[in-house]
Protein backbone atom coordinates (compact mmCIF):
# COMPACT_ATOMS: atom_id res chain seq x y z
CA MET A 1 60.27 8.04 25.06
CA SER A 2 60.21 10.11 21.90
CA ARG A 3 58.55 8.71 18.80
CA PRO A 4 60.80 7.79 15.90
CA ARG A 5 59.79 9.22 12.53
CA ALA A 6 60.36 5.99 10.64
CA PHE A 7 57.89 3.38 9.45
CA LEU A 8 58.17 0.12 11.34
CA ASN A 9 56.18 -3.04 10.70
CA PHE A 10 54.41 -4.63 13.62
CA PRO A 11 56.38 -7.51 15.03
CA ARG A 12 54.49 -10.77 14.52
CA SER A 13 54.34 -11.30 18.28
CA PHE A 14 52.59 -7.92 18.70
CA ALA A 15 50.10 -8.54 15.89
CA GLU A 16 49.06 -11.84 17.44
CA ARG A 17 48.31 -10.33 20.85
CA ASP A 18 44.74 -9.31 21.36
CA VAL A 19 44.12 -8.92 25.06
CA LYS A 20 46.50 -6.19 26.15
CA LEU A 21 45.75 -2.48 26.06
CA TYR A 22 48.58 -0.46 24.53
CA ASP A 23 49.30 3.24 24.84
CA ALA A 24 49.24 4.99 21.48
CA VAL A 25 48.94 8.43 19.90
CA ILE A 26 47.12 9.66 16.82
CA ASP A 27 49.39 10.73 13.97
CA TYR A 28 46.87 11.36 11.17
CA VAL A 29 43.14 10.94 10.54
CA HIS A 30 42.68 9.39 7.10
CA ASP A 31 38.88 9.30 7.26
CA GLY A 32 36.15 8.80 9.85
CA ASP A 33 37.15 5.25 10.75
CA THR A 34 40.80 4.90 9.65
CA TYR A 35 43.72 6.52 11.43
CA LEU A 36 47.50 6.36 11.36
CA ILE A 37 48.76 5.78 14.88
CA TRP A 38 51.95 5.21 16.83
CA VAL A 39 51.61 2.31 19.29
CA GLU A 40 54.04 2.07 22.17
CA VAL A 41 55.41 -1.47 22.47
CA LYS A 42 57.19 -1.33 25.82
CA GLU A 43 58.59 -4.86 25.46
CA LEU A 44 60.56 -3.65 22.42
CA ASN A 45 61.20 -0.16 23.84
CA THR A 46 59.84 1.47 20.69
CA TYR A 47 56.79 2.82 18.93
CA VAL A 48 55.26 0.99 15.99
CA PHE A 49 53.45 2.83 13.19
CA ALA A 50 50.13 1.33 12.10
CA ALA A 51 47.17 2.00 9.85
CA ALA A 52 44.31 1.43 12.27
CA ARG A 53 40.70 0.62 11.48
CA VAL A 54 38.22 1.36 14.27
CA ALA A 55 36.24 -1.56 15.68
CA GLY A 56 32.52 -0.87 16.00
CA TYR A 57 32.22 2.17 13.75
CA ARG A 58 31.86 2.37 9.97
CA SER A 59 31.97 5.87 8.50
CA PRO A 60 31.11 6.82 4.93
CA GLU A 61 34.07 6.84 2.55
CA ALA A 62 35.46 10.31 1.75
CA TRP A 63 33.73 10.34 -1.67
CA GLU A 64 30.34 9.28 -0.26
CA PRO A 65 27.71 11.61 1.18
CA GLY A 66 28.72 12.40 4.75
CA GLY A 67 32.32 11.28 4.23
CA ASP A 68 33.87 14.73 4.56
CA GLU A 69 31.74 15.45 7.62
CA ALA A 70 32.81 12.18 9.31
CA THR A 71 36.48 12.96 8.60
CA GLU A 72 36.14 16.50 10.01
CA ILE A 73 34.46 15.18 13.16
CA ALA A 74 37.18 12.53 13.61
CA GLU A 75 39.86 15.22 13.20
CA ARG A 76 38.13 17.32 15.86
CA VAL A 77 37.71 14.37 18.28
CA LEU A 78 41.23 13.02 17.59
CA PRO A 79 43.66 15.83 16.81
CA ARG A 80 47.28 14.87 16.15
CA ASP A 81 49.16 13.61 19.22
CA THR A 82 45.97 12.70 21.09
CA PRO A 83 46.84 9.95 23.59
CA ILE A 84 44.66 6.85 23.25
CA LYS A 85 44.53 3.23 24.42
CA VAL A 86 44.27 0.50 21.79
CA LYS A 87 43.50 -3.21 21.80
CA ARG A 88 43.92 -5.32 18.66
CA VAL A 89 40.74 -7.18 17.70
CA GLY A 90 41.38 -8.26 14.10
CA MET A 91 42.52 -7.36 10.58
CA SER A 92 40.73 -5.61 7.69
CA PHE A 93 42.24 -4.71 4.30
CA ASN A 94 45.87 -4.68 5.57
CA ARG A 95 44.88 -2.56 8.53
CA ILE A 96 44.81 -3.76 12.11
CA VAL A 97 41.37 -3.37 13.63
CA PHE A 98 41.65 -1.79 17.06
CA GLU A 99 39.22 -1.04 19.84
CA ILE A 100 40.26 2.53 20.61
CA LYS A 101 39.58 4.35 23.87
CA LEU A 102 40.05 8.04 24.54
CA GLN A 103 41.51 9.39 27.77
CA ASP A 104 37.99 10.11 29.07
CA GLY A 105 37.11 6.39 28.75
CA ARG A 106 34.83 6.69 25.72
CA THR A 107 35.37 4.45 22.72
CA ILE A 108 35.55 5.94 19.22
CA PRO A 109 32.01 4.73 18.33
CA GLU A 110 30.72 6.46 21.47
CA ALA A 111 32.64 9.66 20.75
CA MET A 112 31.49 9.75 17.12
CA ALA A 113 27.87 9.12 18.18
CA ASP A 114 28.15 11.97 20.71
CA GLU A 115 29.16 14.23 17.79
CA ASN A 116 26.31 12.93 15.57
CA ALA A 117 28.82 11.67 13.00
CA PRO A 118 27.45 9.97 9.87
CA VAL A 119 27.42 6.17 9.93
CA GLY A 120 27.58 3.59 7.18
CA GLY A 121 27.78 4.72 3.63
CA LEU A 122 26.86 3.69 0.14
CA ALA A 123 29.71 1.21 -0.18
CA ALA A 124 28.45 -0.81 2.79
CA ARG A 125 24.87 -0.87 1.46
CA GLU A 126 26.00 -1.79 -2.05
CA LEU A 127 28.19 -4.59 -0.70
CA ASN A 128 25.30 -5.95 1.36
CA GLN A 129 22.97 -5.83 -1.66
CA SER A 130 25.59 -7.68 -3.71
CA LYS A 131 25.91 -10.36 -1.01
CA ILE A 132 22.14 -10.80 -0.97
CA ALA A 133 21.97 -10.96 -4.79
CA HIS A 134 24.63 -13.69 -4.88
CA GLY A 135 23.03 -15.72 -2.08
CA TRP A 136 25.88 -15.07 0.37
CA SER A 137 23.54 -13.37 2.81
CA VAL A 138 19.82 -13.20 3.50
CA LYS A 139 18.03 -9.89 4.10
CA THR A 140 15.78 -10.01 7.16
CA ASP A 141 14.74 -6.34 7.27
CA ASP A 142 16.25 -2.95 6.43
CA LYS A 143 18.86 -3.12 9.20
CA HIS A 144 19.78 -6.78 9.57
CA GLU A 145 20.91 -9.66 7.47
CA ILE A 146 22.05 -13.14 8.30
CA PRO A 147 24.40 -15.41 6.37
CA PRO A 148 22.72 -18.42 4.74
CA ARG A 149 23.48 -21.81 6.23
CA ARG A 150 25.69 -24.09 4.26
CA ARG A 151 24.32 -27.49 3.47
CA VAL A 152 26.52 -30.34 4.54
């Protein structure tokens, strides 16, 4: 089946499914952890275009230190038309969060770690510090934080 070159919204029934693996291909790498992909929905006999966020990997934003490097590594690991398998696991900022597997069985976090790609970024640290400052989260050490318990 050839891919259409038109933007289609995900059907509600597709977006609510979260257990099935779908065949997909990479169209464009936006940054280290966000890609534009075509997902094959066999039930509808079509491909659906989606902005995909990667589950389990947070790269620096393009303007942050390491952002360009993470994007270049993602482009090398996932060139255009790379076949992948995807499973929907959630939503984030109008992007569907997918667990993405390469043909060799590795997930994107594994592939990016194999390439020593940068992780995190200033935005994530600043957000965490803001959460701690406002009492929405409690810092336990440099790597972990836990949300405070609500009083009933």
